[in-house]
Amino acid sequence: MYRNSKVHFLTAYVEYLLDTGVRSEEYYLGDASRFIRYLLANITEDDVNQFINNCAQSPSYKTRLRKTLRKFFCFANEVLAIDNFHAIVKKPDDESSS
């Protein structure tokens, strides 16, 4: 098995479960989903900014990351009813200044 940073988390987890002989991934994915929801419900705006600052090597990637995460947080709010994203999801007046 090798590590691939480009593989998406959930895809890799499902493949891992199948490779290790798990026949029904429903419980495993359900429990992982509940854990991820818990983590999302407890993050702060500072956590998100720290993640962006640690991951984004260029201003353009930082801008893109803010945009894509904003969409993800909107999804989490609208579909998963995780409502601690109000400050995170609102679009800043000037993204380039961060």
Protein backbone atom coordinates (compact mmCIF):
# COMPACT_ATOMS: atom_id res chain seq x y z
CA MET A 1 0.00 0.00 0.00
CA TYR A 2 1.27 3.49 -0.78
CA ARG A 3 0.33 6.96 0.35
CA ASN A 4 -1.22 9.30 -2.18
CA SER A 5 -2.01 12.83 -1.08
CA LYS A 6 -4.26 13.34 -4.11
CA VAL A 7 -6.72 10.57 -3.14
CA HIS A 8 -9.89 11.93 -1.61
CA PHE A 9 -10.42 11.01 2.01
CA LEU A 10 -13.74 9.15 1.76
CA THR A 11 -12.73 7.30 -1.41
CA ALA A 12 -9.51 6.15 0.26
CA TYR A 13 -11.40 5.06 3.38
CA VAL A 14 -13.90 2.98 1.41
CA GLU A 15 -11.06 1.37 -0.55
CA TYR A 16 -9.23 0.66 2.72
CA LEU A 17 -12.31 -0.99 4.21
CA LEU A 18 -12.75 -3.18 1.15
CA ASP A 19 -9.04 -4.06 1.06
CA THR A 20 -9.14 -5.13 4.71
CA GLY A 21 -12.09 -7.44 4.11
CA VAL A 22 -14.97 -5.38 5.47
CA ARG A 23 -18.03 -6.64 3.63
CA SER A 24 -20.51 -4.00 4.75
CA GLU A 25 -19.11 -0.52 5.15
CA GLU A 26 -22.39 1.01 6.37
CA TYR A 27 -21.47 1.04 10.08
CA TYR A 28 -17.91 2.14 9.42
CA LEU A 29 -18.92 5.03 7.18
CA GLY A 30 -21.76 5.99 9.50
CA ASP A 31 -19.46 6.18 12.51
CA ALA A 32 -16.79 8.06 10.56
CA SER A 33 -19.47 10.45 9.33
CA ARG A 34 -20.70 11.12 12.87
CA PHE A 35 -17.12 11.76 13.98
CA ILE A 36 -16.51 14.21 11.11
CA ARG A 37 -19.79 15.99 11.91
CA TYR A 38 -18.65 16.28 15.53
CA LEU A 39 -15.33 17.79 14.44
CA LEU A 40 -17.05 20.21 12.08
CA ALA A 41 -19.49 21.28 14.76
CA ASN A 42 -16.59 22.16 17.04
CA ILE A 43 -14.21 24.04 14.77
CA THR A 44 -13.75 27.76 15.05
CA GLU A 45 -12.97 30.49 12.58
CA ASP A 46 -9.42 30.50 13.99
CA ASP A 47 -9.08 26.78 13.21
CA VAL A 48 -10.11 27.38 9.61
CA ASN A 49 -7.76 30.33 9.20
CA GLN A 50 -4.89 28.32 10.69
CA PHE A 51 -5.61 25.48 8.25
CA ILE A 52 -5.65 27.88 5.30
CA ASN A 53 -2.44 29.59 6.39
CA ASN A 54 -0.69 26.24 6.86
CA CYS A 55 -1.84 24.76 3.55
CA ALA A 56 -1.85 27.68 1.15
CA GLN A 57 1.58 28.38 -0.29
CA SER A 58 0.45 31.16 -2.62
CA PRO A 59 -2.09 33.98 -2.46
CA SER A 60 -4.06 32.48 -5.34
CA TYR A 61 -4.31 29.10 -3.61
CA LYS A 62 -5.34 30.82 -0.37
CA THR A 63 -8.15 32.59 -2.25
CA ARG A 64 -9.26 29.36 -3.92
CA LEU A 65 -9.16 27.46 -0.64
CA ARG A 66 -11.31 30.08 1.08
CA LYS A 67 -13.81 29.86 -1.78
CA THR A 68 -14.01 26.07 -1.87
CA LEU A 69 -14.19 25.76 1.92
CA ARG A 70 -16.92 28.39 2.01
CA LYS A 71 -18.95 26.17 -0.34
CA PHE A 72 -18.21 23.12 1.85
CA PHE A 73 -19.33 24.98 4.98
CA CYS A 74 -22.53 26.11 3.22
CA PHE A 75 -23.19 22.45 2.42
CA ALA A 76 -22.51 21.48 6.05
CA ASN A 77 -24.90 24.16 7.23
CA GLU A 78 -27.70 23.54 4.71
CA VAL A 79 -27.56 19.75 4.44
CA LEU A 80 -26.02 18.58 7.71
CA ALA A 81 -27.52 21.29 9.95
CA ILE A 82 -24.13 22.22 11.38
CA ASP A 83 -24.64 25.85 12.27
CA ASN A 84 -21.38 27.15 13.68
CA PHE A 85 -20.16 28.49 10.33
CA HIS A 86 -21.82 31.93 10.30
CA ALA A 87 -18.57 33.89 10.60
CA ILE A 88 -16.68 31.43 8.43
CA VAL A 89 -19.13 31.33 5.54
CA LYS A 90 -19.79 35.01 5.13
CA LYS A 91 -17.76 36.42 2.30
CA PRO A 92 -15.24 39.02 3.45
CA ASP A 93 -15.30 42.40 1.73
CA ASP A 94 -11.77 41.93 0.44
CA GLU A 95 -10.39 38.38 0.33
CA SER A 96 -7.02 39.48 -0.99
CA SER A 97 -6.20 41.32 2.23
CA SER A 98 -6.13 38.11 4.32
